[in-house]
Amino acid sequence: MSAPVARIRVFVADDHAIVREGLVQLLQLQPDLVVVGTCAEGRESLQQIRALLPDVAVLDISMPGLNGIEVAAEIQRLGLPVAVVILSMHSSTEYVFRALEVGARAYLQKESAAAEIVDAIRAVHAGRKYLDTRIAGLVAGHVGDGAARGPLELLSRREREILQLVAQGHSSAQIGKLLSLSPKTVDTYRSRLMQKLGLSDVVSLVKFAIQQGLVSLD
């Protein structure tokens, strides 16, 4: 009698409850997949991923705390054996290349996720990359194109992290507590990133973060 095939352990992170629960229900119908955890917030997602060590983490880009790309970057930095699938409302090449640069193996638009998420999970678990059809076409059209890189590439990982937290309405003191930095250091980072982006006030900073998909309006 043959031994049962081990199921692929999946973690799902999305701040929209309906999307998250829908994905979980879809994945649980697959005999070779099992959902081992879910979360609605980026920083907590990273903590759970470190503890659970799933085979695959499905991450929404626009999450509070840390966005999905920053979580993917931390997974890569920590050397965790977790394959990452990114979900996004955005299809620009900048997002796709940023995700791939930090180790994500798959990038799906949310509108196609229900149809392709299972194939993507199986692909990345097998060590392959997976881009949905539209994204693959965009990437193919920009290979070697320097225009694919945008203003976020000017910022360091820490500056992008602080940008997201500022845009979410956190004060310098709150950000300092979250990142183990002094409020003065946070202010220095904020001034530096505003200078790099050519922005003069927090309102412009928030608007920029929304346009770049670091935070959502809902």
Protein backbone atom coordinates (compact mmCIF):
# COMPACT_ATOMS: atom_id res chain seq x y z
CA MET A 1 0.00 0.00 0.00
CA SER A 2 1.49 3.34 -1.08
CA ALA A 3 2.04 6.12 1.43
CA PRO A 4 -0.28 9.16 1.16
CA VAL A 5 1.17 12.09 -0.79
CA ALA A 6 2.07 15.03 1.45
CA ARG A 7 -0.20 18.01 0.84
CA ILE A 8 1.15 21.47 -0.01
CA ARG A 9 0.84 23.69 3.08
CA VAL A 10 -0.47 27.15 2.19
CA PHE A 11 -0.71 30.43 4.13
CA VAL A 12 -3.13 33.13 2.88
CA ALA A 13 -2.75 36.84 3.73
CA ASP A 14 -5.29 39.41 2.47
CA ASP A 15 -6.88 42.30 4.34
CA HIS A 16 -10.24 41.81 2.58
CA ALA A 17 -12.14 39.15 4.53
CA ILE A 18 -14.35 38.12 1.59
CA VAL A 19 -11.36 37.61 -0.70
CA ARG A 20 -9.38 35.79 1.99
CA GLU A 21 -12.23 33.46 2.94
CA GLY A 22 -13.07 32.80 -0.70
CA LEU A 23 -9.49 31.79 -1.45
CA VAL A 24 -9.37 29.53 1.60
CA GLN A 25 -12.58 27.75 0.56
CA LEU A 26 -11.27 27.30 -2.97
CA LEU A 27 -7.93 25.93 -1.82
CA GLN A 28 -9.45 23.57 0.74
CA LEU A 29 -11.38 21.86 -2.07
CA GLN A 30 -8.09 20.69 -3.60
CA PRO A 31 -6.97 17.25 -2.36
CA ASP A 32 -3.28 18.19 -2.56
CA LEU A 33 -3.54 21.53 -0.70
CA VAL A 34 -4.14 22.47 2.93
CA VAL A 35 -4.45 25.98 4.38
CA VAL A 36 -2.42 26.18 7.59
CA GLY A 37 -3.05 29.84 8.45
CA THR A 38 -4.57 33.14 7.39
CA CYS A 39 -4.04 36.78 8.28
CA ALA A 40 -5.24 40.29 7.37
CA GLU A 41 -2.12 42.29 8.31
CA GLY A 42 1.40 42.24 6.90
CA ARG A 43 3.56 42.33 10.01
CA GLU A 44 1.51 39.65 11.76
CA SER A 45 1.56 37.59 8.54
CA LEU A 46 5.35 37.58 8.63
CA GLN A 47 5.33 36.43 12.26
CA GLN A 48 2.94 33.59 11.46
CA ILE A 49 4.90 32.56 8.38
CA ARG A 50 8.09 32.39 10.45
CA ALA A 51 6.31 30.20 12.99
CA LEU A 52 4.34 27.96 10.62
CA LEU A 53 6.85 27.70 7.72
CA PRO A 54 4.23 26.92 5.07
CA ASP A 55 5.35 25.62 1.70
CA VAL A 56 3.64 28.53 -0.07
CA ALA A 57 2.53 31.99 1.12
CA VAL A 58 -0.17 33.79 -0.88
CA LEU A 59 0.24 37.52 -0.15
CA ASP A 60 -1.91 40.49 -1.11
CA ILE A 61 0.17 43.57 -1.93
CA SER A 62 -2.00 46.18 -0.17
CA MET A 63 -2.03 45.14 3.49
CA PRO A 64 -1.66 47.31 6.60
CA GLY A 65 1.54 47.09 8.61
CA LEU A 66 3.74 45.66 5.86
CA ASN A 67 2.62 45.29 2.26
CA GLY A 68 2.94 41.95 0.52
CA ILE A 69 6.12 42.85 -1.34
CA GLU A 70 7.83 43.89 1.91
CA VAL A 71 6.74 40.61 3.53
CA ALA A 72 8.18 38.74 0.54
CA ALA A 73 11.43 40.70 0.90
CA GLU A 74 11.67 39.72 4.57
CA ILE A 75 10.99 36.06 3.74
CA GLN A 76 13.88 36.21 1.27
CA ARG A 77 16.16 38.10 3.70
CA LEU A 78 15.50 35.57 6.46
CA GLY A 79 16.14 32.66 4.12
CA LEU A 80 12.80 31.02 4.88
CA PRO A 81 11.96 28.01 2.65
CA VAL A 82 8.63 29.53 1.62
CA ALA A 83 7.55 30.11 -1.99
CA VAL A 84 5.63 33.37 -2.45
CA VAL A 85 2.61 34.08 -4.65
CA ILE A 86 1.70 37.77 -4.90
CA LEU A 87 -1.90 38.90 -5.44
CA SER A 88 -2.58 42.45 -6.62
CA MET A 89 -5.13 44.80 -8.10
CA HIS A 90 -2.23 46.35 -10.01
CA SER A 91 -0.78 45.08 -13.26
CA SER A 92 2.01 47.61 -13.87
CA THR A 93 5.43 46.21 -14.70
CA GLU A 94 6.93 48.12 -11.77
CA TYR A 95 4.95 46.06 -9.26
CA VAL A 96 5.70 42.81 -11.06
CA PHE A 97 9.45 43.42 -11.28
CA ARG A 98 9.62 44.57 -7.65
CA ALA A 99 7.84 41.39 -6.56
CA LEU A 100 10.15 39.16 -8.59
CA GLU A 101 13.23 41.01 -7.37
CA VAL A 102 12.39 40.21 -3.74
CA GLY A 103 11.90 36.53 -4.44
CA ALA A 104 8.21 36.12 -5.31
CA ARG A 105 7.74 33.23 -7.73
CA ALA A 106 4.23 34.10 -8.92
CA TYR A 107 2.23 37.26 -9.56
CA LEU A 108 -1.52 37.17 -10.17
CA GLN A 109 -4.07 39.90 -10.65
CA LYS A 110 -6.94 39.48 -8.21
CA GLU A 111 -9.46 39.37 -11.04
CA SER A 112 -7.83 36.19 -12.35
CA ALA A 113 -6.81 34.71 -9.00
CA ALA A 114 -9.79 32.37 -8.62
CA ALA A 115 -9.07 30.77 -11.99
CA GLU A 116 -5.30 30.52 -11.64
CA ILE A 117 -4.37 30.43 -7.95
CA VAL A 118 -4.31 26.63 -7.68
CA ASP A 119 -2.07 26.26 -10.75
CA ALA A 120 0.20 29.03 -9.43
CA ILE A 121 0.59 27.37 -6.03
CA ARG A 122 1.44 24.02 -7.58
CA ALA A 123 3.91 25.67 -9.95
CA VAL A 124 5.86 27.61 -7.32
CA HIS A 125 5.92 24.60 -5.01
CA ALA A 126 7.55 22.68 -7.85
CA GLY A 127 10.18 25.42 -8.17
CA ARG A 128 8.74 27.17 -11.23
CA LYS A 129 7.64 30.78 -11.71
CA TYR A 130 4.05 31.64 -12.65
CA LEU A 131 2.61 34.85 -14.11
CA ASP A 132 -1.00 35.12 -15.21
CA THR A 133 -1.51 35.58 -18.94
CA ARG A 134 -1.86 39.37 -18.96
CA ILE A 135 1.08 39.89 -16.61
CA ALA A 136 3.29 37.56 -18.65
CA GLY A 137 2.56 39.66 -21.74
CA LEU A 138 3.48 42.88 -19.97
CA VAL A 139 6.72 41.45 -18.64
CA ALA A 140 7.69 40.06 -22.04
CA GLY A 141 7.18 43.50 -23.53
CA HIS A 142 9.45 45.18 -20.98
CA VAL A 143 12.36 42.76 -20.61
CA GLY A 144 15.47 44.92 -20.46
CA ASP A 145 13.39 48.10 -20.49
CA GLY A 146 14.67 50.55 -17.89
CA ALA A 147 11.30 52.33 -17.95
CA ALA A 148 9.84 49.43 -16.00
CA ARG A 149 11.47 50.79 -12.88
CA GLY A 150 9.62 53.55 -11.11
CA PRO A 151 9.97 56.09 -8.28
CA LEU A 152 9.77 53.51 -5.50
CA GLU A 153 13.10 52.15 -6.69
CA LEU A 154 14.66 55.37 -5.40
CA LEU A 155 13.81 54.40 -1.84
CA SER A 156 15.52 51.96 0.49
CA ARG A 157 13.55 49.11 2.07
CA ARG A 158 13.33 51.06 5.34
CA GLU A 159 12.18 54.22 3.57
CA ARG A 160 9.40 52.30 1.77
CA GLU A 161 8.35 50.77 5.08
CA ILE A 162 8.13 54.19 6.74
CA LEU A 163 6.32 55.63 3.72
CA GLN A 164 3.63 52.99 4.06
CA LEU A 165 3.22 53.55 7.81
CA VAL A 166 3.05 57.34 7.41
CA ALA A 167 0.40 56.93 4.71
CA GLN A 168 -1.58 54.67 7.05
CA GLY A 169 -1.76 57.55 9.53
CA HIS A 170 0.84 56.51 12.10
CA SER A 171 2.75 59.22 13.98
CA SER A 172 6.55 59.28 14.20
CA ALA A 173 6.32 58.00 17.76
CA GLN A 174 4.09 55.09 16.73
CA ILE A 175 6.32 54.21 13.78
CA GLY A 176 9.38 54.38 16.01
CA LYS A 177 7.80 51.94 18.43
CA LEU A 178 6.87 49.53 15.61
CA LEU A 179 10.33 49.62 14.03
CA SER A 180 12.44 50.08 17.18
CA LEU A 181 13.61 53.51 16.07
CA SER A 182 13.58 56.90 17.80
CA PRO A 183 10.92 59.39 16.59
CA LYS A 184 13.78 61.68 15.50
CA THR A 185 15.22 58.92 13.31
CA VAL A 186 11.79 58.32 11.80
CA ASP A 187 11.51 62.04 11.00
CA THR A 188 14.91 61.91 9.32
CA TYR A 189 13.84 58.96 7.17
CA ARG A 190 10.60 60.71 6.27
CA SER A 191 12.39 63.93 5.26
CA ARG A 192 14.87 61.95 3.18
CA LEU A 193 12.23 59.97 1.29
CA MET A 194 10.17 63.13 0.65
CA GLN A 195 13.27 64.78 -0.78
CA LYS A 196 13.97 61.76 -3.02
CA LEU A 197 10.40 61.78 -4.32
CA GLY A 198 10.18 65.54 -4.69
CA LEU A 199 7.22 65.82 -2.30
CA SER A 200 6.72 68.71 0.11
CA ASP A 201 4.05 67.58 2.59
CA VAL A 202 2.42 64.54 4.19
CA VAL A 203 -0.74 64.91 2.10
CA SER A 204 1.32 64.50 -1.08
CA LEU A 205 3.12 61.57 0.53
CA VAL A 206 -0.18 59.81 1.30
CA LYS A 207 -1.46 60.47 -2.23
CA PHE A 208 1.75 59.01 -3.67
CA ALA A 209 1.50 55.89 -1.49
CA ILE A 210 -2.08 55.29 -2.65
CA GLN A 211 -1.10 55.74 -6.30
CA GLN A 212 1.75 53.24 -5.85
CA GLY A 213 -0.54 50.69 -4.23
CA LEU A 214 1.24 50.70 -0.86
CA VAL A 215 -2.05 51.49 0.89
CA SER A 216 -5.65 51.16 -0.25
CA LEU A 217 -8.58 53.53 0.17
CA ASP A 218 -10.84 50.91 1.79
